[in-house]
C-alpha cells in the first residue's frame, strides 16, 4: 500500500485491477472480500473509485456454467459494505446493490429463456 500512497490518484485503482477481490481460492465462488481488498478499500483516498474498479471485475471474462450463479456470489461482497462505518462506502453499496441484484436477475432470465429455446429446438 505504500507504493500506492506515493501516487494515490492512479495507483489504488491499479491495485484494485490486479489484486484478488475475494478470499475464495476461486473468485467464481466469492465468499467475502480478501484481506488485501478490504485494506485497499479502507485506505484508498477515493474508495468509490476502488469499488467501481472491483465492480467492473465482478463479471468474469470467461466462465463455464451459469453466469448468473457466478454473479450472484458477488452480491454478498456488496451487501457486506452496506453498514460500513465510512458513509461513502456504505452509500456506494446501498446505491449499487439493487442494480447489481437486478443484473443478476436479468442474466438468470436470459439463461432460462436460452435453455427454453434449446429445449424446444430438440423437440
Foldseek 3Di string as FASTA:
>chain_A
DVVCVVPLVPSLLVCLLPDDQAPDPDLLQGQEGDPVLVVSCVPRPDNLSSVVSNVVPQQPPDDPDQSLSSLVNCLVHLVVQCPPPDVVSNVSSVVCNVVSNVVSVVSVVVVVVVVVVVVVVVD
